[in-house]
Amino acid sequence: MDDQVKTLAMRLGIPLDSNNFLLIQDLFTDALAQVLDYTNRDKPIGSMTVYAKQLAVVAYNRLDTEGETQRNEGNVNRYFEIGIPQNIKQSLNHYRVTKFKEIH
């Protein structure tokens, strides 16, 4: 996981010795938890950490807009996707595990 966090920090242009590096670690941890929840797994397999890193980038870019679904600034309307973006979900779909529940 440390290598993934380091490459994430480099992708975002954040020095490894800055205070923001702790934020990047936290965002990656949260993103990995979301990926594992979505796929119903306990541990990442294959390229799941890559998709967690992509999700962490999305979360980093959303930091100033948390909770917003839409923003209007002048004549510019911005709409925000809620949850895991569709392109990441599509990539994660083949990692999903189905859990069956007994019906009484």
PDB file of N, CA and C in Angstrom:
ATOM      1  N   MET A   1       0.821  -1.201   0.000  1.00  0.00           N
ATOM      2  CA  MET A   1       0.000   0.000   0.000  1.00  0.00           C
ATOM      3  C   MET A   1       0.862   1.261   0.000  1.00  0.00           C
ATOM      4  N   ASP A   2       2.008   1.223   0.644  1.00  0.00           N
ATOM      5  CA  ASP A   2       2.862   2.406   0.710  1.00  0.00           C
ATOM      6  C   ASP A   2       3.294   2.877  -0.669  1.00  0.00           C
ATOM      7  N   ASP A   3       3.610   1.921  -1.569  1.00  0.00           N
ATOM      8  CA  ASP A   3       4.001   2.302  -2.926  1.00  0.00           C
ATOM      9  C   ASP A   3       2.846   2.985  -3.649  1.00  0.00           C
ATOM     10  N   GLN A   4       1.632   2.493  -3.443  1.00  0.00           N
ATOM     11  CA  GLN A   4       0.463   3.099  -4.082  1.00  0.00           C
ATOM     12  C   GLN A   4       0.263   4.527  -3.582  1.00  0.00           C
ATOM     13  N   VAL A   5       0.453   4.746  -2.297  1.00  0.00           N
ATOM     14  CA  VAL A   5       0.287   6.083  -1.721  1.00  0.00           C
ATOM     15  C   VAL A   5       1.374   7.017  -2.245  1.00  0.00           C
ATOM     16  N   LYS A   6       2.595   6.522  -2.369  1.00  0.00           N
ATOM     17  CA  LYS A   6       3.690   7.351  -2.888  1.00  0.00           C
ATOM     18  C   LYS A   6       3.436   7.751  -4.337  1.00  0.00           C
ATOM     19  N   THR A   7       2.984   6.798  -5.160  1.00  0.00           N
ATOM     20  CA  THR A   7       2.716   7.138  -6.557  1.00  0.00           C
ATOM     21  C   THR A   7       1.506   8.070  -6.667  1.00  0.00           C
ATOM     22  N   LEU A   8       0.558   7.915  -5.765  1.00  0.00           N
ATOM     23  CA  LEU A   8      -0.595   8.818  -5.732  1.00  0.00           C
ATOM     24  C   LEU A   8      -0.131  10.239  -5.403  1.00  0.00           C
ATOM     25  N   ALA A   9       0.726  10.374  -4.421  1.00  0.00           N
ATOM     26  CA  ALA A   9       1.258  11.690  -4.047  1.00  0.00           C
ATOM     27  C   ALA A   9       2.030  12.306  -5.211  1.00  0.00           C
ATOM     28  N   MET A  10       2.827  11.495  -5.904  1.00  0.00           N
ATOM     29  CA  MET A  10       3.576  12.008  -7.054  1.00  0.00           C
ATOM     30  C   MET A  10       2.625  12.460  -8.156  1.00  0.00           C
ATOM     31  N   ARG A  11       1.568  11.680  -8.413  1.00  0.00           N
ATOM     32  CA  ARG A  11       0.587  12.024  -9.445  1.00  0.00           C
ATOM     33  C   ARG A  11      -0.070  13.368  -9.131  1.00  0.00           C
ATOM     34  N   LEU A  12      -0.313  13.628  -7.858  1.00  0.00           N
ATOM     35  CA  LEU A  12      -0.965  14.871  -7.442  1.00  0.00           C
ATOM     36  C   LEU A  12       0.029  16.010  -7.202  1.00  0.00           C
ATOM     37  N   GLY A  13       1.320  15.725  -7.322  1.00  0.00           N
ATOM     38  CA  GLY A  13       2.339  16.751  -7.126  1.00  0.00           C
ATOM     39  C   GLY A  13       2.531  17.147  -5.680  1.00  0.00           C
ATOM     40  N   ILE A  14       2.331  16.191  -4.765  1.00  0.00           N
ATOM     41  CA  ILE A  14       2.458  16.468  -3.338  1.00  0.00           C
ATOM     42  C   ILE A  14       3.757  15.844  -2.819  1.00  0.00           C
ATOM     43  N   PRO A  15       4.643  16.663  -2.246  1.00  0.00           N
ATOM     44  CA  PRO A  15       5.895  16.125  -1.705  1.00  0.00           C
ATOM     45  C   PRO A  15       5.634  15.127  -0.574  1.00  0.00           C
ATOM     46  N   LEU A  16       6.458  14.095  -0.510  1.00  0.00           N
ATOM     47  CA  LEU A  16       6.273  13.046   0.492  1.00  0.00           C
ATOM     48  C   LEU A  16       6.475  13.544   1.915  1.00  0.00           C
ATOM     49  N   ASP A  17       7.186  14.649   2.086  1.00  0.00           N
ATOM     50  CA  ASP A  17       7.452  15.161   3.433  1.00  0.00           C
ATOM     51  C   ASP A  17       6.490  16.291   3.837  1.00  0.00           C
ATOM     52  N   SER A  18       5.435  16.507   3.072  1.00  0.00           N
ATOM     53  CA  SER A  18       4.505  17.590   3.407  1.00  0.00           C
ATOM     54  C   SER A  18       3.370  17.078   4.286  1.00  0.00           C
ATOM     55  N   ASN A  19       2.657  18.016   4.913  1.00  0.00           N
ATOM     56  CA  ASN A  19       1.493  17.663   5.723  1.00  0.00           C
ATOM     57  C   ASN A  19       0.392  17.061   4.874  1.00  0.00           C
ATOM     58  N   ASN A  20       0.325  17.446   3.607  1.00  0.00           N
ATOM     59  CA  ASN A  20      -0.697  16.914   2.716  1.00  0.00           C
ATOM     60  C   ASN A  20      -0.495  15.428   2.424  1.00  0.00           C
ATOM     61  N   PHE A  21       0.701  14.919   2.658  1.00  0.00           N
ATOM     62  CA  PHE A  21       0.949  13.492   2.433  1.00  0.00           C
ATOM     63  C   PHE A  21       0.074  12.653   3.370  1.00  0.00           C
ATOM     64  N   LEU A  22      -0.131  13.125   4.592  1.00  0.00           N
ATOM     65  CA  LEU A  22      -1.020  12.418   5.519  1.00  0.00           C
ATOM     66  C   LEU A  22      -2.452  12.413   4.995  1.00  0.00           C
ATOM     67  N   LEU A  23      -2.854  13.510   4.381  1.00  0.00           N
ATOM     68  CA  LEU A  23      -4.178  13.582   3.764  1.00  0.00           C
ATOM     69  C   LEU A  23      -4.286  12.564   2.635  1.00  0.00           C
ATOM     70  N   ILE A  24      -3.256  12.447   1.829  1.00  0.00           N
ATOM     71  CA  ILE A  24      -3.253  11.489   0.716  1.00  0.00           C
ATOM     72  C   ILE A  24      -3.355  10.068   1.252  1.00  0.00           C
ATOM     73  N   GLN A  25      -2.633   9.776   2.319  1.00  0.00           N
ATOM     74  CA  GLN A  25      -2.722   8.439   2.932  1.00  0.00           C
ATOM     75  C   GLN A  25      -4.154   8.156   3.381  1.00  0.00           C
ATOM     76  N   ASP A  26      -4.776   9.129   3.997  1.00  0.00           N
ATOM     77  CA  ASP A  26      -6.141   8.969   4.483  1.00  0.00           C
ATOM     78  C   ASP A  26      -7.129   8.791   3.325  1.00  0.00           C
ATOM     79  N   LEU A  27      -6.980   9.589   2.275  1.00  0.00           N
ATOM     80  CA  LEU A  27      -7.862   9.462   1.111  1.00  0.00           C
ATOM     81  C   LEU A  27      -7.713   8.093   0.444  1.00  0.00           C
ATOM     82  N   PHE A  28      -6.480   7.596   0.370  1.00  0.00           N
ATOM     83  CA  PHE A  28      -6.263   6.279  -0.239  1.00  0.00           C
ATOM     84  C   PHE A  28      -6.882   5.186   0.624  1.00  0.00           C
ATOM     85  N   THR A  29      -6.733   5.299   1.937  1.00  0.00           N
ATOM     86  CA  THR A  29      -7.328   4.315   2.853  1.00  0.00           C
ATOM     87  C   THR A  29      -8.846   4.296   2.698  1.00  0.00           C
ATOM     88  N   ASP A  30      -9.458   5.470   2.637  1.00  0.00           N
ATOM     89  CA  ASP A  30     -10.906   5.562   2.439  1.00  0.00           C
ATOM     90  C   ASP A  30     -11.327   4.995   1.083  1.00  0.00           C
ATOM     91  N   ALA A  31     -10.560   5.325   0.046  1.00  0.00           N
ATOM     92  CA  ALA A  31     -10.876   4.838  -1.298  1.00  0.00           C
ATOM     93  C   ALA A  31     -10.767   3.320  -1.367  1.00  0.00           C
ATOM     94  N   LEU A  32      -9.749   2.768  -0.727  1.00  0.00           N
ATOM     95  CA  LEU A  32      -9.588   1.310  -0.711  1.00  0.00           C
ATOM     96  C   LEU A  32     -10.754   0.656   0.024  1.00  0.00           C
ATOM     97  N   ALA A  33     -11.196   1.260   1.113  1.00  0.00           N
ATOM     98  CA  ALA A  33     -12.359   0.736   1.845  1.00  0.00           C
ATOM     99  C   ALA A  33     -13.608   0.763   0.963  1.00  0.00           C
ATOM    100  N   GLN A  34     -13.799   1.831   0.204  1.00  0.00           N
ATOM    101  CA  GLN A  34     -14.941   1.901  -0.706  1.00  0.00           C
ATOM    102  C   GLN A  34     -14.862   0.821  -1.779  1.00  0.00           C
ATOM    103  N   VAL A  35     -13.679   0.616  -2.324  1.00  0.00           N
ATOM    104  CA  VAL A  35     -13.478  -0.410  -3.353  1.00  0.00           C
ATOM    105  C   VAL A  35     -13.778  -1.791  -2.787  1.00  0.00           C
ATOM    106  N   LEU A  36     -13.285  -2.071  -1.591  1.00  0.00           N
ATOM    107  CA  LEU A  36     -13.529  -3.375  -0.968  1.00  0.00           C
ATOM    108  C   LEU A  36     -15.007  -3.555  -0.645  1.00  0.00           C
ATOM    109  N   ASP A  37     -15.661  -2.508  -0.167  1.00  0.00           N
ATOM    110  CA  ASP A  37     -17.099  -2.583   0.106  1.00  0.00           C
ATOM    111  C   ASP A  37     -17.883  -2.850  -1.173  1.00  0.00           C
ATOM    112  N   TYR A  38     -17.531  -2.155  -2.244  1.00  0.00           N
ATOM    113  CA  TYR A  38     -18.247  -2.306  -3.512  1.00  0.00           C
ATOM    114  C   TYR A  38     -18.086  -3.720  -4.078  1.00  0.00           C
ATOM    115  N   THR A  39     -16.898  -4.284  -3.894  1.00  0.00           N
ATOM    116  CA  THR A  39     -16.629  -5.609  -4.461  1.00  0.00           C
ATOM    117  C   THR A  39     -16.958  -6.744  -3.487  1.00  0.00           C
ATOM    118  N   ASN A  40     -17.356  -6.424  -2.264  1.00  0.00           N
ATOM    119  CA  ASN A  40     -17.656  -7.421  -1.223  1.00  0.00           C
ATOM    120  C   ASN A  40     -16.458  -8.305  -0.907  1.00  0.00           C
ATOM    121  N   ARG A  41     -15.299  -7.700  -0.846  1.00  0.00           N
ATOM    122  CA  ARG A  41     -14.065  -8.431  -0.535  1.00  0.00           C
ATOM    123  C   ARG A  41     -13.428  -7.877   0.733  1.00  0.00           C
ATOM    124  N   ASP A  42     -12.550  -8.708   1.322  1.00  0.00           N
ATOM    125  CA  ASP A  42     -11.830  -8.302   2.525  1.00  0.00           C
ATOM    126  C   ASP A  42     -10.437  -7.770   2.219  1.00  0.00           C
ATOM    127  N   LYS A  43      -9.867  -8.225   1.097  1.00  0.00           N
ATOM    128  CA  LYS A  43      -8.514  -7.837   0.697  1.00  0.00           C
ATOM    129  C   LYS A  43      -8.519  -7.526  -0.797  1.00  0.00           C
ATOM    130  N   PRO A  44      -7.684  -6.557  -1.198  1.00  0.00           N
ATOM    131  CA  PRO A  44      -7.622  -6.252  -2.625  1.00  0.00           C
ATOM    132  C   PRO A  44      -6.902  -7.356  -3.398  1.00  0.00           C
ATOM    133  N   ILE A  45      -7.369  -7.609  -4.611  1.00  0.00           N
ATOM    134  CA  ILE A  45      -6.708  -8.566  -5.494  1.00  0.00           C
ATOM    135  C   ILE A  45      -6.514  -7.905  -6.855  1.00  0.00           C
ATOM    136  N   GLY A  46      -5.613  -8.445  -7.633  1.00  0.00           N
ATOM    137  CA  GLY A  46      -5.392  -7.918  -8.984  1.00  0.00           C
ATOM    138  C   GLY A  46      -5.075  -6.437  -8.961  1.00  0.00           C
ATOM    139  N   SER A  47      -5.775  -5.704  -9.786  1.00  0.00           N
ATOM    140  CA  SER A  47      -5.537  -4.262  -9.941  1.00  0.00           C
ATOM    141  C   SER A  47      -6.465  -3.395  -9.093  1.00  0.00           C
ATOM    142  N   MET A  48      -7.077  -3.967  -8.093  1.00  0.00           N
ATOM    143  CA  MET A  48      -8.033  -3.207  -7.285  1.00  0.00           C
ATOM    144  C   MET A  48      -7.396  -1.982  -6.642  1.00  0.00           C
ATOM    145  N   THR A  49      -6.128  -2.051  -6.272  1.00  0.00           N
ATOM    146  CA  THR A  49      -5.482  -0.893  -5.648  1.00  0.00           C
ATOM    147  C   THR A  49      -5.301   0.248  -6.648  1.00  0.00           C
ATOM    148  N   VAL A  50      -5.180  -0.081  -7.923  1.00  0.00           N
ATOM    149  CA  VAL A  50      -5.086   0.953  -8.950  1.00  0.00           C
ATOM    150  C   VAL A  50      -6.389   1.741  -9.011  1.00  0.00           C
ATOM    151  N   TYR A  51      -7.504   1.018  -8.924  1.00  0.00           N
ATOM    152  CA  TYR A  51      -8.801   1.688  -8.956  1.00  0.00           C
ATOM    153  C   TYR A  51      -9.046   2.468  -7.663  1.00  0.00           C
ATOM    154  N   ALA A  52      -8.505   1.988  -6.562  1.00  0.00           N
ATOM    155  CA  ALA A  52      -8.580   2.749  -5.306  1.00  0.00           C
ATOM    156  C   ALA A  52      -7.790   4.047  -5.437  1.00  0.00           C
ATOM    157  N   LYS A  53      -6.660   3.972  -6.120  1.00  0.00           N
ATOM    158  CA  LYS A  53      -5.848   5.167  -6.332  1.00  0.00           C
ATOM    159  C   LYS A  53      -6.606   6.166  -7.213  1.00  0.00           C
ATOM    160  N   GLN A  54      -7.277   5.685  -8.255  1.00  0.00           N
ATOM    161  CA  GLN A  54      -8.076   6.562  -9.107  1.00  0.00           C
ATOM    162  C   GLN A  54      -9.198   7.219  -8.303  1.00  0.00           C
ATOM    163  N   LEU A  55      -9.813   6.440  -7.429  1.00  0.00           N
ATOM    164  CA  LEU A  55     -10.888   6.969  -6.591  1.00  0.00           C
ATOM    165  C   LEU A  55     -10.348   7.995  -5.597  1.00  0.00           C
ATOM    166  N   ALA A  56      -9.146   7.791  -5.101  1.00  0.00           N
ATOM    167  CA  ALA A  56      -8.525   8.757  -4.191  1.00  0.00           C
ATOM    168  C   ALA A  56      -8.244  10.077  -4.910  1.00  0.00           C
ATOM    169  N   VAL A  57      -7.869  10.013  -6.187  1.00  0.00           N
ATOM    170  CA  VAL A  57      -7.660  11.237  -6.972  1.00  0.00           C
ATOM    171  C   VAL A  57      -8.981  11.993  -7.102  1.00  0.00           C
ATOM    172  N   VAL A  58     -10.050  11.271  -7.369  1.00  0.00           N
ATOM    173  CA  VAL A  58     -11.379  11.891  -7.466  1.00  0.00           C
ATOM    174  C   VAL A  58     -11.728  12.551  -6.135  1.00  0.00           C
ATOM    175  N   ALA A  59     -11.487  11.847  -5.039  1.00  0.00           N
ATOM    176  CA  ALA A  59     -11.791  12.400  -3.711  1.00  0.00           C
ATOM    177  C   ALA A  59     -10.958  13.649  -3.428  1.00  0.00           C
ATOM    178  N   TYR A  60      -9.696  13.632  -3.816  1.00  0.00           N
ATOM    179  CA  TYR A  60      -8.827  14.794  -3.626  1.00  0.00           C
ATOM    180  C   TYR A  60      -9.363  15.991  -4.412  1.00  0.00           C
ATOM    181  N   ASN A  61      -9.785  15.739  -5.631  1.00  0.00           N
ATOM    182  CA  ASN A  61     -10.315  16.820  -6.470  1.00  0.00           C
ATOM    183  C   ASN A  61     -11.661  17.344  -5.974  1.00  0.00           C
ATOM    184  N   ARG A  62     -12.365  16.549  -5.186  1.00  0.00           N
ATOM    185  CA  ARG A  62     -13.671  16.942  -4.650  1.00  0.00           C
ATOM    186  C   ARG A  62     -13.583  17.600  -3.271  1.00  0.00           C
ATOM    187  N   LEU A  63     -12.413  17.760  -2.734  1.00  0.00           N
ATOM    188  CA  LEU A  63     -12.273  18.234  -1.353  1.00  0.00           C
ATOM    189  C   LEU A  63     -13.030  19.527  -1.073  1.00  0.00           C
ATOM    190  N   ASP A  64     -13.009  20.477  -1.957  1.00  0.00           N
ATOM    191  CA  ASP A  64     -13.689  21.756  -1.703  1.00  0.00           C
ATOM    192  C   ASP A  64     -15.166  21.723  -2.071  1.00  0.00           C
ATOM    193  N   THR A  65     -15.627  20.604  -2.598  1.00  0.00           N
ATOM    194  CA  THR A  65     -17.020  20.530  -3.049  1.00  0.00           C
ATOM    195  C   THR A  65     -17.774  19.392  -2.372  1.00  0.00           C
ATOM    196  N   GLU A  66     -17.292  18.916  -1.234  1.00  0.00           N
ATOM    197  CA  GLU A  66     -17.945  17.795  -0.548  1.00  0.00           C
ATOM    198  C   GLU A  66     -19.400  18.117  -0.253  1.00  0.00           C
ATOM    199  N   GLY A  67     -20.249  17.149  -0.552  1.00  0.00           N
ATOM    200  CA  GLY A  67     -21.663  17.290  -0.272  1.00  0.00           C
ATOM    201  C   GLY A  67     -22.456  17.989  -1.364  1.00  0.00           C
ATOM    202  N   GLU A  68     -21.776  18.600  -2.319  1.00  0.00           N
ATOM    203  CA  GLU A  68     -22.475  19.289  -3.397  1.00  0.00           C
ATOM    204  C   GLU A  68     -22.791  18.317  -4.527  1.00  0.00           C
ATOM    205  N   THR A  69     -23.931  18.493  -5.141  1.00  0.00           N
ATOM    206  CA  THR A  69     -24.280  17.718  -6.329  1.00  0.00           C
ATOM    207  C   THR A  69     -24.263  18.601  -7.564  1.00  0.00           C
ATOM    208  N   GLN A  70     -24.330  19.923  -7.321  1.00  0.00           N
ATOM    209  CA  GLN A  70     -24.346  20.879  -8.422  1.00  0.00           C
ATOM    210  C   GLN A  70     -23.804  22.209  -7.921  1.00  0.00           C
ATOM    211  N   ARG A  71     -23.121  22.926  -8.810  1.00  0.00           N
ATOM    212  CA  ARG A  71     -22.615  24.252  -8.455  1.00  0.00           C
ATOM    213  C   ARG A  71     -22.808  25.171  -9.661  1.00  0.00           C
ATOM    214  N   ASN A  72     -23.325  26.350  -9.407  1.00  0.00           N
ATOM    215  CA  ASN A  72     -23.498  27.361 -10.451  1.00  0.00           C
ATOM    216  C   ASN A  72     -22.577  28.531 -10.150  1.00  0.00           C
ATOM    217  N   GLU A  73     -21.702  28.851 -11.099  1.00  0.00           N
ATOM    218  CA  GLU A  73     -20.802  29.983 -10.956  1.00  0.00           C
ATOM    219  C   GLU A  73     -20.914  30.817 -12.225  1.00  0.00           C
ATOM    220  N   GLY A  74     -21.598  31.937 -12.132  1.00  0.00           N
ATOM    221  CA  GLY A  74     -21.823  32.751 -13.322  1.00  0.00           C
ATOM    222  C   GLY A  74     -22.688  31.994 -14.313  1.00  0.00           C
ATOM    223  N   ASN A  75     -22.188  31.808 -15.494  1.00  0.00           N
ATOM    224  CA  ASN A  75     -22.914  31.064 -16.524  1.00  0.00           C
ATOM    225  C   ASN A  75     -22.441  29.623 -16.635  1.00  0.00           C
ATOM    226  N   VAL A  76     -21.663  29.170 -15.673  1.00  0.00           N
ATOM    227  CA  VAL A  76     -21.108  27.819 -15.718  1.00  0.00           C
ATOM    228  C   VAL A  76     -21.811  26.939 -14.682  1.00  0.00           C
ATOM    229  N   ASN A  77     -22.382  25.852 -15.140  1.00  0.00           N
ATOM    230  CA  ASN A  77     -23.016  24.875 -14.246  1.00  0.00           C
ATOM    231  C   ASN A  77     -22.137  23.640 -14.176  1.00  0.00           C
ATOM    232  N   ARG A  78     -21.842  23.206 -12.965  1.00  0.00           N
ATOM    233  CA  ARG A  78     -21.044  21.986 -12.772  1.00  0.00           C
ATOM    234  C   ARG A  78     -21.897  20.985 -12.017  1.00  0.00           C
ATOM    235  N   TYR A  79     -21.892  19.749 -12.499  1.00  0.00           N
ATOM    236  CA  TYR A  79     -22.626  18.668 -11.848  1.00  0.00           C
ATOM    237  C   TYR A  79     -21.616  17.649 -11.352  1.00  0.00           C
ATOM    238  N   PHE A  80     -21.818  17.148 -10.142  1.00  0.00           N
ATOM    239  CA  PHE A  80     -20.887  16.222  -9.525  1.00  0.00           C
ATOM    240  C   PHE A  80     -21.524  14.840  -9.421  1.00  0.00           C
ATOM    241  N   GLU A  81     -20.774  13.840  -9.827  1.00  0.00           N
ATOM    242  CA  GLU A  81     -21.239  12.467  -9.699  1.00  0.00           C
ATOM    243  C   GLU A  81     -21.129  12.065  -8.229  1.00  0.00           C
ATOM    244  N   ILE A  82     -22.129  11.358  -7.748  1.00  0.00           N
ATOM    245  CA  ILE A  82     -22.162  10.952  -6.351  1.00  0.00           C
ATOM    246  C   ILE A  82     -21.653   9.518  -6.251  1.00  0.00           C
ATOM    247  N   GLY A  83     -20.837   9.247  -5.242  1.00  0.00           N
ATOM    248  CA  GLY A  83     -20.326   7.897  -5.036  1.00  0.00           C
ATOM    249  C   GLY A  83     -19.158   7.579  -5.956  1.00  0.00           C
ATOM    250  N   ILE A  84     -18.994   6.304  -6.241  1.00  0.00           N
ATOM    251  CA  ILE A  84     -17.909   5.854  -7.111  1.00  0.00           C
ATOM    252  C   ILE A  84     -18.288   6.173  -8.559  1.00  0.00           C
ATOM    253  N   PRO A  85     -17.415   6.865  -9.291  1.00  0.00           N
ATOM    254  CA  PRO A  85     -17.722   7.179 -10.688  1.00  0.00           C
ATOM    255  C   PRO A  85     -17.954   5.906 -11.523  1.00  0.00           C
ATOM    256  N   GLN A  86     -18.809   6.038 -12.524  1.00  0.00           N
ATOM    257  CA  GLN A  86     -19.223   4.898 -13.334  1.00  0.00           C
ATOM    258  C   GLN A  86     -18.045   4.193 -14.001  1.00  0.00           C
ATOM    259  N   ASN A  87     -17.052   4.941 -14.493  1.00  0.00           N
ATOM    260  CA  ASN A  87     -15.920   4.294 -15.166  1.00  0.00           C
ATOM    261  C   ASN A  87     -15.114   3.415 -14.206  1.00  0.00           C
ATOM    262  N   ILE A  88     -15.018   3.811 -12.942  1.00  0.00           N
ATOM    263  CA  ILE A  88     -14.305   2.993 -11.950  1.00  0.00           C
ATOM    264  C   ILE A  88     -15.164   1.787 -11.580  1.00  0.00           C
ATOM    265  N   LYS A  89     -16.472   1.995 -11.427  1.00  0.00           N
ATOM    266  CA  LYS A  89     -17.372   0.873 -11.125  1.00  0.00           C
ATOM    267  C   LYS A  89     -17.296  -0.200 -12.203  1.00  0.00           C
ATOM    268  N   GLN A  90     -17.293   0.225 -13.462  1.00  0.00           N
ATOM    269  CA  GLN A  90     -17.230  -0.741 -14.560  1.00  0.00           C
ATOM    270  C   GLN A  90     -15.958  -1.579 -14.485  1.00  0.00           C
ATOM    271  N   SER A  91     -14.859  -0.959 -14.119  1.00  0.00           N
ATOM    272  CA  SER A  91     -13.600  -1.693 -13.995  1.00  0.00           C
ATOM    273  C   SER A  91     -13.614  -2.645 -12.806  1.00  0.00           C
ATOM    274  N   LEU A  92     -14.332  -2.270 -11.749  1.00  0.00           N
ATOM    275  CA  LEU A  92     -14.384  -3.100 -10.543  1.00  0.00           C
ATOM    276  C   LEU A  92     -15.414  -4.226 -10.632  1.00  0.00           C
ATOM    277  N   ASN A  93     -16.339  -4.138 -11.563  1.00  0.00           N
ATOM    278  CA  ASN A  93     -17.426  -5.111 -11.620  1.00  0.00           C
ATOM    279  C   ASN A  93     -16.950  -6.553 -11.725  1.00  0.00           C
ATOM    280  N   HIS A  94     -15.863  -6.811 -12.435  1.00  0.00           N
ATOM    281  CA  HIS A  94     -15.429  -8.206 -12.539  1.00  0.00           C
ATOM    282  C   HIS A  94     -14.714  -8.715 -11.286  1.00  0.00           C
ATOM    283  N   TYR A  95     -14.482  -7.844 -10.311  1.00  0.00           N
ATOM    284  CA  TYR A  95     -13.925  -8.260  -9.021  1.00  0.00           C
ATOM    285  C   TYR A  95     -15.021  -8.500  -7.985  1.00  0.00           C
ATOM    286  N   ARG A  96     -16.251  -8.162  -8.313  1.00  0.00           N
ATOM    287  CA  ARG A  96     -17.336  -8.270  -7.331  1.00  0.00           C
ATOM    288  C   ARG A  96     -17.634  -9.719  -6.992  1.00  0.00           C
ATOM    289  N   VAL A  97     -17.913  -9.929  -5.713  1.00  0.00           N
ATOM    290  CA  VAL A  97     -18.295 -11.237  -5.209  1.00  0.00           C
ATOM    291  C   VAL A  97     -19.752 -11.138  -4.768  1.00  0.00           C
ATOM    292  N   THR A  98     -20.543 -12.095  -5.200  1.00  0.00           N
ATOM    293  CA  THR A  98     -21.950 -12.119  -4.819  1.00  0.00           C
ATOM    294  C   THR A  98     -22.084 -12.835  -3.497  1.00  0.00           C
ATOM    295  N   LYS A  99     -22.857 -12.273  -2.607  1.00  0.00           N
ATOM    296  CA  LYS A  99     -23.135 -12.912  -1.331  1.00  0.00           C
ATOM    297  C   LYS A  99     -24.613 -13.264  -1.300  1.00  0.00           C
ATOM    298  N   PHE A 100     -24.897 -14.520  -1.050  1.00  0.00           N
ATOM    299  CA  PHE A 100     -26.265 -14.986  -1.024  1.00  0.00           C
ATOM    300  C   PHE A 100     -26.777 -14.989   0.423  1.00  0.00           C
ATOM    301  N   LYS A 101     -28.018 -14.605   0.572  1.00  0.00           N
ATOM    302  CA  LYS A 101     -28.648 -14.620   1.896  1.00  0.00           C
ATOM    303  C   LYS A 101     -29.805 -15.582   1.846  1.00  0.00           C
ATOM    304  N   GLU A 102     -30.006 -16.266   2.949  1.00  0.00           N
ATOM    305  CA  GLU A 102     -31.104 -17.235   3.049  1.00  0.00           C
ATOM    306  C   GLU A 102     -32.409 -16.479   3.275  1.00  0.00           C
ATOM    307  N   ILE A 103     -33.441 -16.875   2.552  1.00  0.00           N
ATOM    308  CA  ILE A 103     -34.762 -16.258   2.704  1.00  0.00           C
ATOM    309  C   ILE A 103     -35.619 -17.189   3.562  1.00  0.00           C
ATOM    310  N   HIS A 104     -36.251 -16.640   4.544  1.00  0.00           N
ATOM    311  CA  HIS A 104     -37.076 -17.434   5.457  1.00  0.00           C
ATOM    312  C   HIS A 104     -38.519 -17.305   5.096  1.00  0.00           C
TER     313      HIS A 104
END
